Amino acid sequence: MALVSMKTDDGMAEAVAPSPYGYGLCLYLNDDQCEALGIKQPLAAGSVVMLAARAFVKEATASAEEDGDDKGPDVRLTLQITDMEVKQPAAGFFDKSQMNP
């Protein structure tokens, strides 16, 4: 399957809940986006999927080291995902014991 555009027609982003992984690391797909990706039935919670995505760098910053845990500047990026693909991996591809739900 090829990458599919994730642009919404209404220009409105759906509200998202806070995440311990930080803003933007959890993707919420609406019905039209799932349909575009060929997802016709809900996937089982906890199942593993592969993502391929295209994004552009919307913002990039570098600042002096703030926390002292490494050398060099702290770098932050804002990536806007524009196209993506979702598929289930081949059997045995992931070790589920290494996953953090």
C-alpha atoms as a PDB file:
ATOM      1  CA  MET A   1       0.000   0.000   0.000  1.00  0.00           C
ATOM      2  CA  ALA A   2       1.287   3.478  -0.833  1.00  0.00           C
ATOM      3  CA  LEU A   3       1.351   6.483   1.494  1.00  0.00           C
ATOM      4  CA  VAL A   4      -2.094   8.112   1.835  1.00  0.00           C
ATOM      5  CA  SER A   5      -2.641  11.845   2.482  1.00  0.00           C
ATOM      6  CA  MET A   6      -3.844  12.527   6.052  1.00  0.00           C
ATOM      7  CA  LYS A   7      -5.052  16.095   5.357  1.00  0.00           C
ATOM      8  CA  THR A   8      -8.551  16.699   6.721  1.00  0.00           C
ATOM      9  CA  ASP A   9     -11.124  18.574   4.656  1.00  0.00           C
ATOM     10  CA  ASP A  10     -12.677  20.565   7.501  1.00  0.00           C
ATOM     11  CA  GLY A  11      -9.394  22.052   8.749  1.00  0.00           C
ATOM     12  CA  MET A  12     -10.355  21.258  12.329  1.00  0.00           C
ATOM     13  CA  ALA A  13      -8.093  19.155  14.533  1.00  0.00           C
ATOM     14  CA  GLU A  14      -9.855  16.802  16.928  1.00  0.00           C
ATOM     15  CA  ALA A  15      -9.127  17.306  20.636  1.00  0.00           C
ATOM     16  CA  VAL A  16      -6.503  15.000  22.121  1.00  0.00           C
ATOM     17  CA  ALA A  17      -5.836  13.870  25.685  1.00  0.00           C
ATOM     18  CA  PRO A  18      -2.469  14.431  27.406  1.00  0.00           C
ATOM     19  CA  SER A  19       0.092  11.645  26.994  1.00  0.00           C
ATOM     20  CA  PRO A  20       3.058  10.581  29.136  1.00  0.00           C
ATOM     21  CA  TYR A  21       5.016  10.336  25.872  1.00  0.00           C
ATOM     22  CA  GLY A  22       4.567  14.012  25.056  1.00  0.00           C
ATOM     23  CA  TYR A  23       2.304  15.920  22.725  1.00  0.00           C
ATOM     24  CA  GLY A  24       2.118  14.587  19.201  1.00  0.00           C
ATOM     25  CA  LEU A  25       3.436  11.065  19.777  1.00  0.00           C
ATOM     26  CA  CYS A  26      -0.062   9.594  19.836  1.00  0.00           C
ATOM     27  CA  LEU A  27      -1.894   9.681  16.510  1.00  0.00           C
ATOM     28  CA  TYR A  28      -5.671   9.959  16.398  1.00  0.00           C
ATOM     29  CA  LEU A  29      -7.257   8.912  13.103  1.00  0.00           C
ATOM     30  CA  ASN A  30     -10.845   9.823  12.300  1.00  0.00           C
ATOM     31  CA  ASP A  31     -13.251   7.625  10.309  1.00  0.00           C
ATOM     32  CA  ASP A  32     -12.341   9.166   6.943  1.00  0.00           C
ATOM     33  CA  GLN A  33      -8.607   8.735   7.614  1.00  0.00           C
ATOM     34  CA  CYS A  34      -9.080   5.078   8.670  1.00  0.00           C
ATOM     35  CA  GLU A  35     -11.136   4.475   5.537  1.00  0.00           C
ATOM     36  CA  ALA A  36      -8.408   6.072   3.373  1.00  0.00           C
ATOM     37  CA  LEU A  37      -5.887   3.711   4.983  1.00  0.00           C
ATOM     38  CA  GLY A  38      -8.086   0.681   4.243  1.00  0.00           C
ATOM     39  CA  ILE A  39      -8.944   0.052   7.917  1.00  0.00           C
ATOM     40  CA  LYS A  40     -12.527  -1.176   7.789  1.00  0.00           C
ATOM     41  CA  GLN A  41     -12.798  -2.798  11.239  1.00  0.00           C
ATOM     42  CA  PRO A  42     -11.327  -1.714  14.590  1.00  0.00           C
ATOM     43  CA  LEU A  43      -7.903  -3.189  15.258  1.00  0.00           C
ATOM     44  CA  ALA A  44      -7.557  -5.053  18.558  1.00  0.00           C
ATOM     45  CA  ALA A  45      -6.289  -2.858  21.401  1.00  0.00           C
ATOM     46  CA  GLY A  46      -2.686  -3.797  22.102  1.00  0.00           C
ATOM     47  CA  SER A  47      -2.052  -5.113  18.592  1.00  0.00           C
ATOM     48  CA  VAL A  48       1.121  -3.937  16.845  1.00  0.00           C
ATOM     49  CA  VAL A  49       1.090  -2.087  13.533  1.00  0.00           C
ATOM     50  CA  MET A  50       3.826  -0.697  11.308  1.00  0.00           C
ATOM     51  CA  LEU A  51       3.747   2.957  10.294  1.00  0.00           C
ATOM     52  CA  ALA A  52       5.440   4.546   7.339  1.00  0.00           C
ATOM     53  CA  ALA A  53       5.023   8.294   7.140  1.00  0.00           C
ATOM     54  CA  ARG A  54       6.089  11.382   5.274  1.00  0.00           C
ATOM     55  CA  ALA A  55       6.418  14.603   7.241  1.00  0.00           C
ATOM     56  CA  PHE A  56       7.902  18.041   6.822  1.00  0.00           C
ATOM     57  CA  VAL A  57       9.889  19.953   9.402  1.00  0.00           C
ATOM     58  CA  LYS A  58       7.522  22.664  10.571  1.00  0.00           C
ATOM     59  CA  GLU A  59       9.848  24.097  13.205  1.00  0.00           C
ATOM     60  CA  ALA A  60      13.408  23.397  14.343  1.00  0.00           C
ATOM     61  CA  THR A  61      15.262  24.928  17.288  1.00  0.00           C
ATOM     62  CA  ALA A  62      18.570  24.446  19.030  1.00  0.00           C
ATOM     63  CA  SER A  63      19.354  25.883  22.452  1.00  0.00           C
ATOM     64  CA  ALA A  64      22.188  25.743  24.962  1.00  0.00           C
ATOM     65  CA  GLU A  65      22.247  22.556  27.042  1.00  0.00           C
ATOM     66  CA  GLU A  66      19.554  22.892  29.735  1.00  0.00           C
ATOM     67  CA  ASP A  67      19.749  19.671  31.742  1.00  0.00           C
ATOM     68  CA  GLY A  68      23.474  18.887  31.648  1.00  0.00           C
ATOM     69  CA  ASP A  69      22.995  15.191  30.783  1.00  0.00           C
ATOM     70  CA  ASP A  70      24.878  15.293  27.498  1.00  0.00           C
ATOM     71  CA  LYS A  71      27.093  17.511  25.399  1.00  0.00           C
ATOM     72  CA  GLY A  72      25.919  19.779  22.609  1.00  0.00           C
ATOM     73  CA  PRO A  73      22.740  21.766  22.114  1.00  0.00           C
ATOM     74  CA  ASP A  74      19.233  20.606  22.958  1.00  0.00           C
ATOM     75  CA  VAL A  75      17.463  20.134  19.613  1.00  0.00           C
ATOM     76  CA  ARG A  76      13.699  20.163  19.181  1.00  0.00           C
ATOM     77  CA  LEU A  77      11.678  19.474  16.032  1.00  0.00           C
ATOM     78  CA  THR A  78       8.041  19.874  15.134  1.00  0.00           C
ATOM     79  CA  LEU A  79       7.174  17.424  12.369  1.00  0.00           C
ATOM     80  CA  GLN A  80       3.902  17.684  10.476  1.00  0.00           C
ATOM     81  CA  ILE A  81       2.847  14.250   9.203  1.00  0.00           C
ATOM     82  CA  THR A  82       1.250  14.688   5.782  1.00  0.00           C
ATOM     83  CA  ASP A  83       1.013  11.135   4.396  1.00  0.00           C
ATOM     84  CA  MET A  84       1.155   7.728   6.039  1.00  0.00           C
ATOM     85  CA  GLU A  85       0.622   3.989   5.707  1.00  0.00           C
ATOM     86  CA  VAL A  86      -0.515   1.561   8.435  1.00  0.00           C
ATOM     87  CA  LYS A  87      -0.093  -2.205   8.165  1.00  0.00           C
ATOM     88  CA  GLN A  88       0.306  -5.201  10.411  1.00  0.00           C
ATOM     89  CA  PRO A  89       3.877  -6.530  10.497  1.00  0.00           C
ATOM     90  CA  ALA A  90       4.906 -10.029   9.509  1.00  0.00           C
ATOM     91  CA  ALA A  91       4.547 -12.579  12.302  1.00  0.00           C
ATOM     92  CA  GLY A  92       7.436 -12.500  14.757  1.00  0.00           C
ATOM     93  CA  PHE A  93       8.639  -9.067  13.657  1.00  0.00           C
ATOM     94  CA  PHE A  94       8.229  -7.538  17.137  1.00  0.00           C
ATOM     95  CA  ASP A  95       8.882  -8.863  20.612  1.00  0.00           C
ATOM     96  CA  LYS A  96       5.734  -7.719  22.438  1.00  0.00           C
ATOM     97  CA  SER A  97       7.560  -7.943  25.796  1.00  0.00           C
ATOM     98  CA  GLN A  98       9.497  -4.814  24.784  1.00  0.00           C
ATOM     99  CA  MET A  99       6.354  -2.750  24.211  1.00  0.00           C
ATOM    100  CA  ASN A 100       5.063  -0.081  26.635  1.00  0.00           C
ATOM    101  CA  PRO A 101       1.313   0.336  26.060  1.00  0.00           C
END
